[in-house]
Amino acid sequence: MRLSSAFFAFVGTLLAAGGYGATFLLSMRFRSLGGTDLDTGVALVEAMLGTFVGLPLVGWFAPRIGAARMTALAALCIGLGVTGFALMTQVSLLNAAPGFLVGFGWGAFSLAGPMSLAERTNDADRGFWFQRFGTIQMAGIAGIPALAGFAIHSLHWTLGGVLYVIAALCVVAALMLETFGRISPRAPTLPVQERWLRDIGTIARTRAAYPIVMVALCACVFSGLMTFQMSLVQGTGSQASTFFSIYTITVVAARWLFTQFVIRIRREVATKVLLAVMVLGIVAMFAVPYHAMFHPASAVLLGTGYGLVYPIIQTQTVNDSETMYRQAALTWFVVSYFIGTFGFPAVGGWVLVHMGKEALIALIAVCGLAALMLAIMRDRRRAESFSGA
């Protein structure tokens, strides 16, 4: 794949990911309309339902119209959802529709994006392009909300105006991704039968079940700290936009600088160390009210731990599966991720409203520790299988 065509794919990915990042502004949006973080959680549950509809449709439409065009259509759906949130004038049941559209679009994009790259790269170069794709995607997810926070606090833009701009960027993303599909023809691929729902029993009996559950728990940590960041720092003197900015810079820098080092060491060791770093990032949030420096420290620790461990446990999902079940395992990996990303805020919002910030951070910490315990259990199961052999 040429750099000239990759430019369109990566810019489109950056902007589309920013559309998903707009969900981190929903807590502020609902509170400005007289709602609470419970309403934020409900909207993101609808987003989770949207992902469950979008994911299987990718498997049906992508072979027919191309994965690149699917990413363009997905970006448009994200933009429509963000527009819906911008148009809200009061909290009502109709707020579920924008959440569904964002979830539908982001779920479809998360599968179709890597597929569009896979159609245009060979086995030798695919790892390079996937690493860059993941880095750009993460930069958009947290970078756009950081810029939005700057526009609101420093340039005095309205939140509704910021959401309209993000929605417009999603339209630009759709145009860029459609252009990418047109100027970079895909290689012919063999049709693949979608059997991932029926394969869950087989996958659950393998070690691939551990990273699949781990990614859901890690996504709970990520979504909990990002979605409710504005509520968590309220009254502390810290700014959520600072957290988003430092997190984005840390993830991009860590993936560019340390990925090769992480690859060279044992994945089992790297997983446990990075999950422990992620947990330390959660612990740092407890101390934010006592000293402002714990806030950027939390962002750096979360960006390093979560930012680097995600591709590792994704690789473990593939390596722990038999060849014929790898596509199904990866699909369940994505489903599990979205259960944590969009499902946790519903629980987290209730905890935040009824039990307070400390209880929410404690719940997030439990999710992080559970992921670490599963990593340890996975390694013990491997050791037992070797000793049995």
Protein backbone atom coordinates (compact mmCIF):
# COMPACT_ATOMS: atom_id res chain seq x y z
CA MET A 1 0.00 0.00 0.00
CA ARG A 2 1.37 3.40 -0.97
CA LEU A 3 1.85 6.25 1.49
CA SER A 4 -0.26 8.54 -0.69
CA SER A 5 -3.32 6.30 -0.34
CA ALA A 6 -2.58 5.52 3.33
CA PHE A 7 -2.81 9.27 4.02
CA PHE A 8 -6.53 9.22 3.18
CA ALA A 9 -7.11 6.12 5.31
CA PHE A 10 -5.30 7.50 8.35
CA VAL A 11 -6.81 10.99 8.24
CA GLY A 12 -10.26 9.44 7.86
CA THR A 13 -9.54 7.12 10.77
CA LEU A 14 -8.34 10.00 12.96
CA LEU A 15 -11.51 12.02 12.35
CA ALA A 16 -13.91 9.08 12.65
CA ALA A 17 -12.27 8.06 15.93
CA GLY A 18 -12.84 11.62 17.14
CA GLY A 19 -16.55 11.05 16.56
CA TYR A 20 -16.45 8.17 19.02
CA GLY A 21 -14.35 10.34 21.35
CA ALA A 22 -17.28 12.78 21.43
CA THR A 23 -19.00 10.33 23.78
CA PHE A 24 -16.55 11.53 26.47
CA LEU A 25 -18.38 14.88 26.31
CA LEU A 26 -21.79 13.36 27.00
CA SER A 27 -21.49 13.69 30.76
CA MET A 28 -21.15 17.46 30.33
CA ARG A 29 -23.89 17.49 27.70
CA PHE A 30 -26.50 15.74 29.82
CA ARG A 31 -25.67 17.76 32.93
CA SER A 32 -26.08 20.98 30.92
CA LEU A 33 -29.62 19.81 30.07
CA GLY A 34 -30.50 19.04 33.68
CA GLY A 35 -29.71 15.33 33.48
CA THR A 36 -27.21 13.19 35.36
CA ASP A 37 -24.51 10.64 34.62
CA LEU A 38 -27.24 8.01 34.69
CA ASP A 39 -28.50 9.48 31.42
CA THR A 40 -24.98 9.23 30.02
CA GLY A 41 -24.90 5.55 30.95
CA VAL A 42 -28.27 4.88 29.31
CA ALA A 43 -27.15 6.56 26.07
CA LEU A 44 -24.02 4.41 25.99
CA VAL A 45 -26.01 1.23 26.62
CA GLU A 46 -27.90 2.11 23.43
CA ALA A 47 -24.51 2.53 21.78
CA MET A 48 -23.60 -0.99 22.90
CA LEU A 49 -26.79 -2.33 21.33
CA GLY A 50 -25.88 -0.46 18.15
CA THR A 51 -22.50 -2.20 18.01
CA PHE A 52 -24.22 -5.61 18.22
CA VAL A 53 -26.22 -4.68 15.12
CA GLY A 54 -23.29 -3.14 13.25
CA LEU A 55 -20.73 -5.90 13.77
CA PRO A 56 -22.54 -8.75 11.95
CA LEU A 57 -23.59 -6.44 9.11
CA VAL A 58 -19.94 -5.79 8.30
CA GLY A 59 -19.41 -9.49 7.62
CA TRP A 60 -22.31 -9.48 5.15
CA PHE A 61 -21.77 -6.14 3.38
CA ALA A 62 -17.97 -5.84 3.29
CA PRO A 63 -17.40 -8.63 0.73
CA ARG A 64 -20.07 -7.05 -1.49
CA ILE A 65 -19.30 -3.32 -1.39
CA GLY A 66 -15.78 -3.35 0.06
CA ALA A 67 -14.56 -2.80 3.60
CA ALA A 68 -13.30 0.73 2.77
CA ARG A 69 -16.78 1.84 1.73
CA MET A 70 -18.14 0.26 4.91
CA THR A 71 -15.79 2.46 6.94
CA ALA A 72 -17.05 5.53 5.06
CA LEU A 73 -20.68 4.64 5.77
CA ALA A 74 -19.80 3.91 9.39
CA ALA A 75 -18.21 7.37 9.75
CA LEU A 76 -21.43 8.93 8.45
CA CYS A 77 -23.45 7.01 11.06
CA ILE A 78 -21.13 8.27 13.81
CA GLY A 79 -21.57 11.82 12.52
CA LEU A 80 -25.36 11.46 12.51
CA GLY A 81 -25.28 10.25 16.09
CA VAL A 82 -23.09 13.15 17.23
CA THR A 83 -25.44 15.55 15.43
CA GLY A 84 -28.33 14.01 17.35
CA PHE A 85 -26.57 14.73 20.65
CA ALA A 86 -25.94 18.33 19.51
CA LEU A 87 -29.63 18.80 18.66
CA MET A 88 -30.85 17.69 22.10
CA THR A 89 -32.76 20.35 24.02
CA GLN A 90 -33.91 18.21 26.94
CA VAL A 91 -33.34 14.77 28.43
CA SER A 92 -35.85 12.26 27.04
CA LEU A 93 -36.17 8.71 25.74
CA LEU A 94 -35.38 10.03 22.24
CA ASN A 95 -31.77 10.51 23.37
CA ALA A 96 -31.29 6.79 22.87
CA ALA A 97 -31.34 7.15 19.07
CA PRO A 98 -28.07 9.14 18.78
CA GLY A 99 -26.36 6.66 21.09
CA PHE A 100 -27.50 3.77 18.91
CA LEU A 101 -26.17 5.48 15.76
CA VAL A 102 -22.77 6.21 17.31
CA GLY A 103 -22.47 2.63 18.56
CA PHE A 104 -23.63 1.19 15.22
CA GLY A 105 -21.10 3.31 13.33
CA TRP A 106 -18.17 2.74 15.67
CA GLY A 107 -18.82 -1.01 15.88
CA ALA A 108 -18.90 -1.29 12.10
CA PHE A 109 -15.81 0.89 11.75
CA SER A 110 -13.82 -1.14 14.28
CA LEU A 111 -14.19 -4.27 12.14
CA ALA A 112 -14.26 -2.74 8.66
CA GLY A 113 -11.20 -0.51 9.26
CA PRO A 114 -8.72 -3.35 9.86
CA MET A 115 -10.41 -5.36 7.10
CA SER A 116 -9.84 -2.54 4.59
CA LEU A 117 -6.14 -2.55 5.44
CA ALA A 118 -5.93 -6.34 5.31
CA GLU A 119 -7.39 -6.26 1.78
CA ARG A 120 -4.55 -4.00 0.63
CA THR A 121 -1.47 -5.33 2.45
CA ASN A 122 0.55 -8.53 2.38
CA ASP A 123 1.55 -10.68 5.33
CA ALA A 124 4.99 -9.08 5.61
CA ASP A 125 3.78 -5.47 5.75
CA ARG A 126 0.46 -5.90 7.55
CA GLY A 127 1.89 -5.61 11.06
CA PHE A 128 3.48 -2.24 10.25
CA TRP A 129 0.25 -0.77 8.88
CA PHE A 130 -1.90 -2.22 11.69
CA GLN A 131 0.39 -0.66 14.31
CA ARG A 132 0.12 2.74 12.65
CA PHE A 133 -3.65 2.35 12.25
CA GLY A 134 -4.09 1.59 15.96
CA THR A 135 -1.94 4.55 16.98
CA ILE A 136 -3.83 7.00 14.75
CA GLN A 137 -7.15 5.62 15.97
CA MET A 138 -6.22 6.08 19.63
CA ALA A 139 -4.96 9.61 18.91
CA GLY A 140 -8.36 10.52 17.48
CA ILE A 141 -10.32 8.92 20.31
CA ALA A 142 -8.70 11.04 23.03
CA GLY A 143 -7.18 13.88 20.99
CA ILE A 144 -10.42 15.29 19.58
CA PRO A 145 -12.06 15.52 23.05
CA ALA A 146 -8.90 17.29 24.29
CA LEU A 147 -9.22 19.86 21.50
CA ALA A 148 -12.94 20.14 22.25
CA GLY A 149 -12.19 20.92 25.88
CA PHE A 150 -9.72 23.61 24.81
CA ALA A 151 -12.31 25.17 22.47
CA ILE A 152 -14.92 25.22 25.24
CA HIS A 153 -12.76 26.56 28.07
CA SER A 154 -10.32 28.81 26.20
CA LEU A 155 -12.14 29.86 23.04
CA HIS A 156 -15.57 29.94 24.73
CA TRP A 157 -17.28 27.75 22.15
CA THR A 158 -20.59 26.24 23.15
CA LEU A 159 -20.74 22.48 23.72
CA GLY A 160 -23.42 22.19 21.04
CA GLY A 161 -21.21 24.04 18.56
CA VAL A 162 -18.29 21.72 19.32
CA LEU A 163 -20.48 18.67 18.70
CA TYR A 164 -21.59 20.09 15.34
CA VAL A 165 -17.94 20.57 14.34
CA ILE A 166 -17.10 16.98 15.33
CA ALA A 167 -20.08 15.74 13.31
CA ALA A 168 -18.81 17.71 10.30
CA LEU A 169 -15.38 16.14 10.74
CA CYS A 170 -17.04 12.72 10.53
CA VAL A 171 -18.45 13.71 7.13
CA VAL A 172 -14.94 14.69 6.04
CA ALA A 173 -13.76 11.32 7.36
CA ALA A 174 -16.34 9.53 5.21
CA LEU A 175 -15.10 11.36 2.11
CA MET A 176 -11.48 10.54 2.91
CA LEU A 177 -12.25 6.85 3.50
CA GLU A 178 -14.30 6.60 0.31
CA THR A 179 -11.41 8.20 -1.59
CA PHE A 180 -9.04 5.68 -0.03
CA GLY A 181 -11.19 2.83 -1.30
CA ARG A 182 -11.25 4.26 -4.81
CA ILE A 183 -7.54 5.04 -5.24
CA SER A 184 -6.26 1.91 -3.51
CA PRO A 185 -7.86 -1.16 -5.11
CA ARG A 186 -8.27 -4.19 -2.88
CA ALA A 187 -6.84 -7.60 -3.61
CA PRO A 188 -9.33 -10.41 -4.31
CA THR A 189 -10.24 -12.32 -1.16
CA LEU A 190 -11.95 -15.62 -0.59
CA PRO A 191 -15.43 -15.49 0.99
CA VAL A 192 -15.44 -16.36 4.68
CA GLN A 193 -18.34 -18.04 6.40
CA GLU A 194 -19.48 -16.14 9.49
CA ARG A 195 -19.88 -18.72 12.28
CA TRP A 196 -18.59 -16.75 15.23
CA LEU A 197 -21.82 -17.09 17.25
CA ARG A 198 -21.78 -20.88 17.02
CA ASP A 199 -18.07 -21.08 17.79
CA ILE A 200 -18.29 -19.45 21.21
CA GLY A 201 -18.45 -22.81 23.02
CA THR A 202 -15.26 -24.03 21.39
CA ILE A 203 -13.43 -20.75 22.02
CA ALA A 204 -14.51 -20.70 25.68
CA ARG A 205 -12.69 -24.00 26.25
CA THR A 206 -9.37 -22.56 25.06
CA ARG A 207 -6.96 -20.07 26.64
CA ALA A 208 -8.32 -17.47 24.20
CA ALA A 209 -11.20 -16.99 26.62
CA TYR A 210 -8.86 -15.21 29.06
CA PRO A 211 -7.81 -12.28 26.82
CA ILE A 212 -11.38 -11.98 25.51
CA VAL A 213 -12.65 -11.39 29.06
CA MET A 214 -9.58 -9.29 29.90
CA VAL A 215 -10.28 -6.82 27.11
CA ALA A 216 -13.81 -6.27 28.46
CA LEU A 217 -12.38 -5.47 31.91
CA CYS A 218 -9.70 -3.19 30.45
CA ALA A 219 -12.38 -1.43 28.40
CA CYS A 220 -14.35 -0.88 31.62
CA VAL A 221 -11.30 0.90 33.05
CA PHE A 222 -10.82 2.96 29.91
CA SER A 223 -14.47 3.97 29.48
CA GLY A 224 -14.96 4.60 33.20
CA LEU A 225 -12.05 7.03 33.50
CA MET A 226 -12.68 8.73 30.14
CA THR A 227 -16.49 8.96 30.11
CA PHE A 228 -16.77 10.32 33.66
CA GLN A 229 -13.52 12.28 33.69
CA MET A 230 -15.32 15.61 33.85
CA SER A 231 -17.35 14.48 36.86
CA LEU A 232 -14.36 12.89 38.59
CA VAL A 233 -12.28 16.09 38.50
CA GLN A 234 -15.14 18.45 39.32
CA GLY A 235 -14.15 20.60 42.30
CA THR A 236 -10.47 19.55 42.21
CA GLY A 237 -9.10 22.36 40.04
CA SER A 238 -8.03 19.88 37.34
CA GLN A 239 -9.37 19.88 33.78
CA ALA A 240 -10.64 16.84 31.90
CA SER A 241 -9.10 18.20 28.70
CA THR A 242 -5.67 17.99 30.36
CA PHE A 243 -6.23 14.29 31.07
CA PHE A 244 -7.33 13.65 27.47
CA SER A 245 -4.32 15.53 26.06
CA ILE A 246 -1.71 13.82 28.22
CA TYR A 247 -3.31 10.41 27.65
CA THR A 248 -3.22 10.92 23.87
CA ILE A 249 0.41 12.06 23.83
CA THR A 250 1.41 9.14 26.09
CA VAL A 251 -0.32 6.48 23.98
CA VAL A 252 1.13 7.78 20.71
CA ALA A 253 4.63 8.13 22.18
CA ALA A 254 4.52 4.76 23.94
CA ARG A 255 3.36 2.89 20.84
CA TRP A 256 5.97 4.52 18.62
CA LEU A 257 8.86 4.22 21.07
CA PHE A 258 8.27 1.05 23.09
CA THR A 259 6.30 -1.34 20.86
CA GLN A 260 9.42 -3.07 19.52
CA PHE A 261 10.81 -3.44 23.05
CA VAL A 262 7.53 -4.94 24.28
CA ILE A 263 7.49 -7.36 21.34
CA ARG A 264 11.01 -8.59 22.14
CA ILE A 265 10.22 -9.54 25.75
CA ARG A 266 7.86 -12.33 26.74
CA ARG A 267 4.25 -11.35 26.14
CA GLU A 268 3.15 -12.98 29.39
CA VAL A 269 5.52 -10.79 31.40
CA ALA A 270 4.64 -7.66 29.44
CA THR A 271 0.91 -8.24 29.94
CA LYS A 272 1.14 -8.45 33.72
CA VAL A 273 3.53 -5.50 34.02
CA LEU A 274 1.38 -3.25 31.81
CA LEU A 275 -1.83 -4.24 33.59
CA ALA A 276 -0.16 -3.39 36.89
CA VAL A 277 0.82 0.02 35.46
CA MET A 278 -2.80 0.53 34.39
CA VAL A 279 -3.99 -0.26 37.93
CA LEU A 280 -1.52 2.30 39.31
CA GLY A 281 -3.12 4.85 37.00
CA ILE A 282 -6.49 4.13 38.61
CA VAL A 283 -5.00 4.41 42.10
CA ALA A 284 -3.55 7.81 41.19
CA MET A 285 -7.08 9.09 40.55
CA PHE A 286 -7.88 8.58 44.25
CA ALA A 287 -5.19 11.15 45.13
CA VAL A 288 -6.19 13.86 42.62
CA PRO A 289 -8.17 15.88 45.23
CA TYR A 290 -5.04 16.03 47.41
CA HIS A 291 -2.46 17.07 44.80
CA ALA A 292 -2.94 18.19 41.21
CA MET A 293 0.11 16.29 39.92
CA PHE A 294 -1.63 12.96 40.45
CA HIS A 295 -4.02 13.88 37.62
CA PRO A 296 -1.43 13.95 34.79
CA ALA A 297 0.34 11.00 36.46
CA SER A 298 -2.87 8.99 36.15
CA ALA A 299 -3.13 9.89 32.45
CA VAL A 300 0.47 8.82 31.79
CA LEU A 301 0.06 5.52 33.65
CA LEU A 302 -3.25 4.72 31.93
CA GLY A 303 -1.86 5.67 28.52
CA THR A 304 1.21 3.49 29.00
CA GLY A 305 -0.53 0.49 30.56
CA TYR A 306 -3.76 0.31 28.58
CA GLY A 307 -2.26 1.79 25.42
CA LEU A 308 0.39 -0.92 25.14
CA VAL A 309 -1.44 -3.91 26.61
CA TYR A 310 -4.40 -3.80 24.20
CA PRO A 311 -2.51 -5.03 21.09
CA ILE A 312 -0.72 -7.65 23.22
CA ILE A 313 -3.89 -9.29 24.49
CA GLN A 314 -5.37 -9.03 21.00
CA THR A 315 -2.37 -11.03 19.75
CA GLN A 316 -2.87 -13.53 22.57
CA THR A 317 -6.45 -14.04 21.42
CA VAL A 318 -5.20 -15.07 17.98
CA ASN A 319 -2.29 -17.20 19.19
CA ASP A 320 -4.43 -19.05 21.76
CA SER A 321 -7.00 -20.04 19.13
CA GLU A 322 -6.89 -22.81 16.57
CA THR A 323 -6.45 -21.50 13.04
CA MET A 324 -10.00 -22.26 11.94
CA TYR A 325 -11.45 -20.35 14.91
CA ARG A 326 -9.23 -17.27 14.82
CA GLN A 327 -11.67 -15.01 12.97
CA ALA A 328 -14.44 -15.98 15.36
CA ALA A 329 -12.17 -15.37 18.35
CA LEU A 330 -11.23 -11.91 17.05
CA THR A 331 -14.90 -11.09 16.51
CA TRP A 332 -15.68 -12.07 20.10
CA PHE A 333 -12.69 -9.98 21.18
CA VAL A 334 -14.27 -6.91 19.55
CA VAL A 335 -17.71 -7.73 21.00
CA SER A 336 -16.20 -8.10 24.47
CA TYR A 337 -14.40 -4.78 24.09
CA PHE A 338 -17.63 -2.99 23.27
CA ILE A 339 -19.48 -4.61 26.16
CA GLY A 340 -16.93 -2.98 28.46
CA THR A 341 -16.69 0.31 26.56
CA PHE A 342 -20.40 1.03 26.23
CA GLY A 343 -21.85 -1.24 28.91
CA PHE A 344 -19.79 -0.18 31.92
CA PRO A 345 -20.90 3.50 31.91
CA ALA A 346 -24.47 2.38 32.70
CA VAL A 347 -23.24 0.75 35.92
CA GLY A 348 -20.62 3.44 36.53
CA GLY A 349 -23.17 6.24 36.12
CA TRP A 350 -25.44 4.68 38.75
CA VAL A 351 -22.53 4.22 41.16
CA LEU A 352 -21.35 7.81 40.60
CA VAL A 353 -24.79 9.32 41.21
CA HIS A 354 -25.78 7.18 44.21
CA MET A 355 -22.44 6.33 45.87
CA GLY A 356 -19.98 9.03 44.82
CA LYS A 357 -16.64 9.44 43.03
CA GLU A 358 -14.59 7.27 45.38
CA ALA A 359 -16.95 4.33 44.91
CA LEU A 360 -16.74 4.67 41.11
CA ILE A 361 -12.94 4.75 41.16
CA ALA A 362 -12.94 1.72 43.47
CA LEU A 363 -15.19 -0.16 41.02
CA ILE A 364 -12.87 0.74 38.15
CA ALA A 365 -9.92 -0.49 40.21
CA VAL A 366 -11.69 -3.82 40.80
CA CYS A 367 -12.04 -4.23 37.02
CA GLY A 368 -8.32 -3.52 36.54
CA LEU A 369 -7.29 -5.96 39.27
CA ALA A 370 -9.61 -8.63 37.83
CA ALA A 371 -7.90 -8.27 34.43
CA LEU A 372 -4.52 -8.69 36.14
CA MET A 373 -5.73 -11.81 37.98
CA LEU A 374 -6.97 -13.32 34.69
CA ALA A 375 -3.54 -12.71 33.12
CA ILE A 376 -1.97 -14.64 36.00
CA MET A 377 -4.53 -17.45 35.69
CA ARG A 378 -3.90 -17.70 31.94
CA ASP A 379 -0.18 -18.19 32.52
CA ARG A 380 -0.81 -20.83 35.20
CA ARG A 381 -3.04 -22.74 32.81
CA ARG A 382 -0.26 -22.67 30.22
CA ALA A 383 2.23 -23.94 32.80
CA GLU A 384 -0.15 -26.75 33.78
CA SER A 385 -0.64 -27.77 30.16
CA PHE A 386 3.12 -27.92 29.64
CA SER A 387 3.64 -29.98 32.82
CA GLY A 388 0.83 -32.31 31.77
CA ALA A 389 2.47 -32.81 28.43
